[in-house]
Amino acid sequence: MTQQELFALARSLGTVSYPFESDPETAVFRHGERGRWFGVWLNVPGRYFGGQGSEFALNLKCPPELSAMLRQNFAGILPAYHMNKAHWITVRPALVPREEIEKLLRLSFDLTAPARR
């Protein structure tokens, strides 16, 4: 899945913003303009993946029990970089099938939806 495809899907669910002045490439996927985050597109140091350099990856909310299963089945899914590792995952788009990324993005959107009263 390309960055453009990923961002288009995120926009179909909510909004994409760039809230960090010092980092114009990190994007936050939100429920509406000021809503909760359901995803973060960020540059992750390669050492986090056991390599060098850096690459962009996607952080998504995920139930802990599903997270463990996903990490066993996909080399491109890890505990979240720079977020709560029990409830968020980091997805390396080049290593995870498009269909799985789409499902995980929608799941994250649902998990972070505002509570209904």
N, C-alpha and C. Protein backbone atom coordinates (compact mmCIF):
# COMPACT_ATOMS: atom_id res chain seq x y z
N MET A 1 0.85 -1.17 0.00
CA MET A 1 0.00 0.00 0.00
C MET A 1 0.89 1.23 0.00
N THR A 2 0.63 2.14 -0.90
CA THR A 2 1.42 3.36 -0.97
C THR A 2 0.94 4.36 0.09
N GLN A 3 1.77 5.35 0.35
CA GLN A 3 1.40 6.40 1.29
C GLN A 3 0.15 7.12 0.80
N GLN A 4 0.06 7.39 -0.48
CA GLN A 4 -1.10 8.08 -1.02
C GLN A 4 -2.37 7.27 -0.82
N GLU A 5 -2.32 5.97 -1.05
CA GLU A 5 -3.49 5.11 -0.85
C GLU A 5 -3.88 5.06 0.63
N LEU A 6 -2.88 4.96 1.49
CA LEU A 6 -3.13 4.92 2.92
C LEU A 6 -3.79 6.21 3.40
N PHE A 7 -3.27 7.34 2.97
CA PHE A 7 -3.83 8.63 3.38
C PHE A 7 -5.25 8.81 2.83
N ALA A 8 -5.49 8.34 1.61
CA ALA A 8 -6.84 8.43 1.03
C ALA A 8 -7.83 7.62 1.86
N LEU A 9 -7.43 6.44 2.29
CA LEU A 9 -8.30 5.62 3.13
C LEU A 9 -8.53 6.31 4.47
N ALA A 10 -7.48 6.86 5.06
CA ALA A 10 -7.62 7.57 6.33
C ALA A 10 -8.58 8.75 6.18
N ARG A 11 -8.48 9.47 5.08
CA ARG A 11 -9.37 10.62 4.85
C ARG A 11 -10.81 10.18 4.63
N SER A 12 -11.00 8.98 4.11
CA SER A 12 -12.37 8.49 3.93
C SER A 12 -13.02 8.17 5.28
N LEU A 13 -12.21 7.96 6.30
CA LEU A 13 -12.70 7.66 7.64
C LEU A 13 -12.76 8.91 8.53
N GLY A 14 -11.78 9.78 8.40
CA GLY A 14 -11.68 10.95 9.28
C GLY A 14 -10.88 12.03 8.60
N THR A 15 -9.93 12.61 9.33
CA THR A 15 -9.09 13.67 8.77
C THR A 15 -7.62 13.30 8.94
N VAL A 16 -6.78 13.95 8.15
CA VAL A 16 -5.33 13.81 8.26
C VAL A 16 -4.77 15.20 8.53
N SER A 17 -3.99 15.33 9.60
CA SER A 17 -3.41 16.62 9.92
C SER A 17 -1.92 16.47 10.22
N TYR A 18 -1.23 17.59 10.23
CA TYR A 18 0.20 17.65 10.51
C TYR A 18 0.39 18.60 11.70
N PRO A 19 0.20 18.10 12.93
CA PRO A 19 0.15 18.98 14.09
C PRO A 19 1.49 19.42 14.67
N PHE A 20 2.59 18.89 14.20
CA PHE A 20 3.88 19.18 14.81
C PHE A 20 4.68 20.13 13.93
N GLU A 21 4.82 21.38 14.36
CA GLU A 21 5.52 22.39 13.57
C GLU A 21 6.95 21.98 13.25
N SER A 22 7.61 21.35 14.21
CA SER A 22 9.01 20.96 14.01
C SER A 22 9.15 19.69 13.18
N ASP A 23 8.04 19.04 12.84
CA ASP A 23 8.07 17.80 12.08
C ASP A 23 6.91 17.78 11.08
N PRO A 24 7.10 18.42 9.92
CA PRO A 24 5.99 18.54 8.96
C PRO A 24 5.64 17.25 8.22
N GLU A 25 6.38 16.17 8.44
CA GLU A 25 6.08 14.92 7.75
C GLU A 25 5.25 13.95 8.58
N THR A 26 5.25 14.11 9.90
CA THR A 26 4.46 13.24 10.75
C THR A 26 2.99 13.64 10.63
N ALA A 27 2.16 12.67 10.26
CA ALA A 27 0.73 12.92 10.07
C ALA A 27 -0.08 12.16 11.12
N VAL A 28 -1.16 12.79 11.55
CA VAL A 28 -2.05 12.18 12.53
C VAL A 28 -3.41 11.97 11.86
N PHE A 29 -3.93 10.76 11.99
CA PHE A 29 -5.26 10.43 11.48
C PHE A 29 -6.23 10.58 12.64
N ARG A 30 -7.27 11.39 12.45
CA ARG A 30 -8.18 11.72 13.55
C ARG A 30 -9.65 11.49 13.17
N HIS A 31 -10.45 11.37 14.21
CA HIS A 31 -11.91 11.42 14.06
C HIS A 31 -12.27 12.90 14.00
N GLY A 32 -12.46 13.46 12.83
CA GLY A 32 -12.77 14.88 12.71
C GLY A 32 -11.57 15.75 13.00
N GLU A 33 -11.76 17.05 12.92
CA GLU A 33 -10.66 18.01 13.08
C GLU A 33 -9.95 17.93 14.42
N ARG A 34 -10.67 17.76 15.51
CA ARG A 34 -10.07 17.75 16.83
C ARG A 34 -10.32 16.44 17.56
N GLY A 35 -10.73 15.44 16.84
CA GLY A 35 -11.08 14.17 17.46
C GLY A 35 -9.88 13.32 17.86
N ARG A 36 -10.18 12.18 18.41
CA ARG A 36 -9.14 11.24 18.84
C ARG A 36 -8.32 10.75 17.66
N TRP A 37 -7.09 10.40 17.99
CA TRP A 37 -6.21 9.82 16.98
C TRP A 37 -6.61 8.37 16.74
N PHE A 38 -6.60 7.94 15.46
CA PHE A 38 -6.74 6.52 15.17
C PHE A 38 -5.54 6.00 14.39
N GLY A 39 -4.61 6.88 14.09
CA GLY A 39 -3.38 6.46 13.43
C GLY A 39 -2.36 7.58 13.42
N VAL A 40 -1.10 7.18 13.33
CA VAL A 40 0.00 8.15 13.23
C VAL A 40 0.99 7.63 12.19
N TRP A 41 1.30 8.45 11.21
CA TRP A 41 2.30 8.16 10.19
C TRP A 41 3.57 8.88 10.61
N LEU A 42 4.63 8.13 10.91
CA LEU A 42 5.84 8.77 11.43
C LEU A 42 7.09 8.08 10.93
N ASN A 43 8.19 8.81 11.00
CA ASN A 43 9.49 8.31 10.60
C ASN A 43 10.10 7.58 11.79
N VAL A 44 10.38 6.30 11.62
CA VAL A 44 10.87 5.45 12.71
C VAL A 44 12.35 5.13 12.47
N PRO A 45 13.19 5.30 13.47
CA PRO A 45 14.61 4.96 13.31
C PRO A 45 14.78 3.48 12.94
N GLY A 46 15.67 3.23 12.01
CA GLY A 46 15.92 1.86 11.57
C GLY A 46 16.36 0.94 12.68
N ARG A 47 17.01 1.45 13.70
CA ARG A 47 17.45 0.58 14.81
C ARG A 47 16.26 -0.09 15.49
N TYR A 48 15.07 0.55 15.43
CA TYR A 48 13.88 -0.06 16.03
C TYR A 48 13.52 -1.36 15.31
N PHE A 49 13.87 -1.42 14.03
CA PHE A 49 13.59 -2.61 13.22
C PHE A 49 14.82 -3.51 13.09
N GLY A 50 15.89 -3.16 13.77
CA GLY A 50 17.11 -3.95 13.70
C GLY A 50 18.00 -3.59 12.53
N GLY A 51 17.83 -2.40 11.99
CA GLY A 51 18.63 -1.99 10.84
C GLY A 51 19.21 -0.60 11.03
N GLN A 52 19.44 0.06 9.90
CA GLN A 52 20.00 1.40 9.92
C GLN A 52 19.05 2.35 9.21
N GLY A 53 19.41 3.62 9.20
CA GLY A 53 18.60 4.62 8.52
C GLY A 53 17.28 4.82 9.24
N SER A 54 16.23 5.05 8.47
CA SER A 54 14.90 5.20 9.02
C SER A 54 13.88 4.91 7.92
N GLU A 55 12.64 4.74 8.34
CA GLU A 55 11.56 4.53 7.37
C GLU A 55 10.25 4.99 7.98
N PHE A 56 9.31 5.35 7.12
CA PHE A 56 8.00 5.73 7.61
C PHE A 56 7.17 4.48 7.88
N ALA A 57 6.42 4.55 8.97
CA ALA A 57 5.57 3.45 9.38
C ALA A 57 4.29 4.03 9.98
N LEU A 58 3.35 3.15 10.25
CA LEU A 58 2.03 3.54 10.72
C LEU A 58 1.76 2.94 12.09
N ASN A 59 1.40 3.79 13.06
CA ASN A 59 0.98 3.31 14.37
C ASN A 59 -0.53 3.26 14.41
N LEU A 60 -1.07 2.13 14.87
CA LEU A 60 -2.51 1.92 14.95
C LEU A 60 -2.90 1.31 16.29
N LYS A 61 -4.08 1.63 16.76
CA LYS A 61 -4.60 1.03 18.00
C LYS A 61 -5.02 -0.41 17.69
N CYS A 62 -4.78 -1.30 18.65
CA CYS A 62 -5.05 -2.72 18.44
C CYS A 62 -5.22 -3.40 19.79
N PRO A 63 -6.21 -4.29 19.93
CA PRO A 63 -6.35 -5.01 21.20
C PRO A 63 -5.09 -5.85 21.47
N PRO A 64 -4.65 -5.91 22.72
CA PRO A 64 -3.42 -6.65 23.06
C PRO A 64 -3.39 -8.09 22.57
N GLU A 65 -4.50 -8.81 22.69
CA GLU A 65 -4.51 -10.22 22.26
C GLU A 65 -4.35 -10.35 20.75
N LEU A 66 -4.92 -9.43 19.99
CA LEU A 66 -4.76 -9.44 18.54
C LEU A 66 -3.35 -9.01 18.16
N SER A 67 -2.83 -8.04 18.87
CA SER A 67 -1.48 -7.55 18.61
C SER A 67 -0.46 -8.68 18.68
N ALA A 68 -0.56 -9.51 19.70
CA ALA A 68 0.38 -10.63 19.84
C ALA A 68 0.28 -11.59 18.66
N MET A 69 -0.93 -11.89 18.24
CA MET A 69 -1.12 -12.80 17.10
C MET A 69 -0.57 -12.19 15.81
N LEU A 70 -0.84 -10.91 15.60
CA LEU A 70 -0.36 -10.24 14.40
C LEU A 70 1.17 -10.22 14.34
N ARG A 71 1.80 -9.95 15.48
CA ARG A 71 3.27 -9.92 15.51
C ARG A 71 3.87 -11.29 15.19
N GLN A 72 3.17 -12.35 15.54
CA GLN A 72 3.65 -13.70 15.22
C GLN A 72 3.49 -14.01 13.73
N ASN A 73 2.46 -13.45 13.11
CA ASN A 73 2.14 -13.78 11.72
C ASN A 73 2.73 -12.84 10.67
N PHE A 74 3.11 -11.63 11.08
CA PHE A 74 3.61 -10.64 10.12
C PHE A 74 4.91 -10.02 10.64
N ALA A 75 5.97 -10.18 9.88
CA ALA A 75 7.26 -9.58 10.26
C ALA A 75 7.18 -8.06 10.28
N GLY A 76 6.22 -7.48 9.57
CA GLY A 76 6.08 -6.03 9.48
C GLY A 76 5.18 -5.42 10.54
N ILE A 77 4.81 -6.18 11.56
CA ILE A 77 4.01 -5.64 12.66
C ILE A 77 4.78 -5.85 13.96
N LEU A 78 4.97 -4.74 14.68
CA LEU A 78 5.74 -4.74 15.92
C LEU A 78 4.99 -3.97 17.00
N PRO A 79 5.46 -4.09 18.26
CA PRO A 79 4.90 -3.21 19.29
C PRO A 79 5.12 -1.76 18.86
N ALA A 80 4.22 -0.89 19.19
CA ALA A 80 4.26 0.48 18.68
C ALA A 80 5.53 1.23 19.08
N TYR A 81 6.07 1.94 18.12
CA TYR A 81 7.19 2.83 18.37
C TYR A 81 6.63 4.11 18.98
N HIS A 82 7.16 4.52 20.11
CA HIS A 82 6.86 5.81 20.75
C HIS A 82 5.41 5.95 21.24
N MET A 83 4.73 4.80 21.43
CA MET A 83 3.37 4.83 21.97
C MET A 83 3.19 3.64 22.90
N ASN A 84 2.05 3.54 23.54
CA ASN A 84 1.76 2.44 24.44
C ASN A 84 1.85 1.11 23.69
N LYS A 85 2.81 0.30 24.04
CA LYS A 85 3.07 -0.94 23.31
C LYS A 85 2.03 -2.02 23.56
N ALA A 86 1.24 -1.90 24.62
CA ALA A 86 0.19 -2.89 24.88
C ALA A 86 -1.03 -2.65 23.99
N HIS A 87 -1.28 -1.40 23.62
CA HIS A 87 -2.52 -1.07 22.92
C HIS A 87 -2.33 -0.50 21.52
N TRP A 88 -1.09 -0.36 21.09
CA TRP A 88 -0.80 0.18 19.77
C TRP A 88 0.25 -0.70 19.09
N ILE A 89 0.20 -0.74 17.76
CA ILE A 89 1.18 -1.50 16.98
C ILE A 89 1.80 -0.56 15.94
N THR A 90 2.99 -0.91 15.49
CA THR A 90 3.62 -0.24 14.36
C THR A 90 3.55 -1.18 13.17
N VAL A 91 3.08 -0.66 12.05
CA VAL A 91 2.92 -1.43 10.82
C VAL A 91 3.89 -0.88 9.79
N ARG A 92 4.71 -1.77 9.25
CA ARG A 92 5.61 -1.40 8.15
C ARG A 92 4.89 -1.73 6.84
N PRO A 93 4.36 -0.73 6.15
CA PRO A 93 3.49 -0.99 4.99
C PRO A 93 4.10 -1.87 3.90
N ALA A 94 5.40 -1.80 3.71
CA ALA A 94 6.04 -2.60 2.66
C ALA A 94 6.03 -4.10 3.00
N LEU A 95 5.83 -4.44 4.27
CA LEU A 95 5.92 -5.84 4.69
C LEU A 95 4.59 -6.47 5.10
N VAL A 96 3.51 -5.72 4.98
CA VAL A 96 2.20 -6.21 5.39
C VAL A 96 1.25 -6.07 4.20
N PRO A 97 0.46 -7.11 3.89
CA PRO A 97 -0.47 -7.02 2.75
C PRO A 97 -1.47 -5.87 2.89
N ARG A 98 -1.79 -5.29 1.78
CA ARG A 98 -2.71 -4.16 1.72
C ARG A 98 -4.02 -4.44 2.45
N GLU A 99 -4.60 -5.61 2.21
CA GLU A 99 -5.89 -5.96 2.82
C GLU A 99 -5.79 -5.95 4.34
N GLU A 100 -4.67 -6.41 4.87
CA GLU A 100 -4.48 -6.43 6.32
C GLU A 100 -4.34 -5.02 6.87
N ILE A 101 -3.64 -4.16 6.16
CA ILE A 101 -3.50 -2.77 6.59
C ILE A 101 -4.87 -2.09 6.60
N GLU A 102 -5.66 -2.33 5.57
CA GLU A 102 -7.00 -1.74 5.51
C GLU A 102 -7.85 -2.19 6.69
N LYS A 103 -7.82 -3.47 7.00
CA LYS A 103 -8.58 -3.99 8.14
C LYS A 103 -8.10 -3.38 9.45
N LEU A 104 -6.79 -3.29 9.62
CA LEU A 104 -6.24 -2.74 10.86
C LEU A 104 -6.54 -1.25 11.01
N LEU A 105 -6.52 -0.51 9.91
CA LEU A 105 -6.85 0.92 9.97
C LEU A 105 -8.31 1.11 10.38
N ARG A 106 -9.20 0.31 9.81
CA ARG A 106 -10.62 0.41 10.17
C ARG A 106 -10.84 -0.03 11.62
N LEU A 107 -10.14 -1.06 12.05
CA LEU A 107 -10.25 -1.51 13.44
C LEU A 107 -9.79 -0.41 14.39
N SER A 108 -8.67 0.22 14.09
CA SER A 108 -8.16 1.30 14.92
C SER A 108 -9.17 2.45 14.98
N PHE A 109 -9.76 2.76 13.85
CA PHE A 109 -10.79 3.80 13.79
C PHE A 109 -11.95 3.45 14.72
N ASP A 110 -12.41 2.21 14.66
CA ASP A 110 -13.52 1.77 15.50
C ASP A 110 -13.14 1.77 16.99
N LEU A 111 -11.94 1.33 17.30
CA LEU A 111 -11.51 1.26 18.70
C LEU A 111 -11.37 2.64 19.34
N THR A 112 -11.09 3.64 18.54
CA THR A 112 -10.87 4.99 19.07
C THR A 112 -12.09 5.91 18.90
N ALA A 113 -13.17 5.36 18.39
CA ALA A 113 -14.37 6.16 18.19
C ALA A 113 -14.89 6.68 19.53
N PRO A 114 -15.41 7.90 19.52
CA PRO A 114 -15.98 8.45 20.76
C PRO A 114 -17.09 7.54 21.30
N ALA A 115 -17.18 7.44 22.59
CA ALA A 115 -18.21 6.62 23.23
C ALA A 115 -19.59 7.20 22.92
N ARG A 116 -20.51 6.32 22.64
CA ARG A 116 -21.89 6.77 22.38
C ARG A 116 -22.64 6.84 23.68
N ARG A 117 -23.43 7.87 23.81
CA ARG A 117 -24.17 8.07 25.06
C ARG A 117 -25.59 7.62 24.92
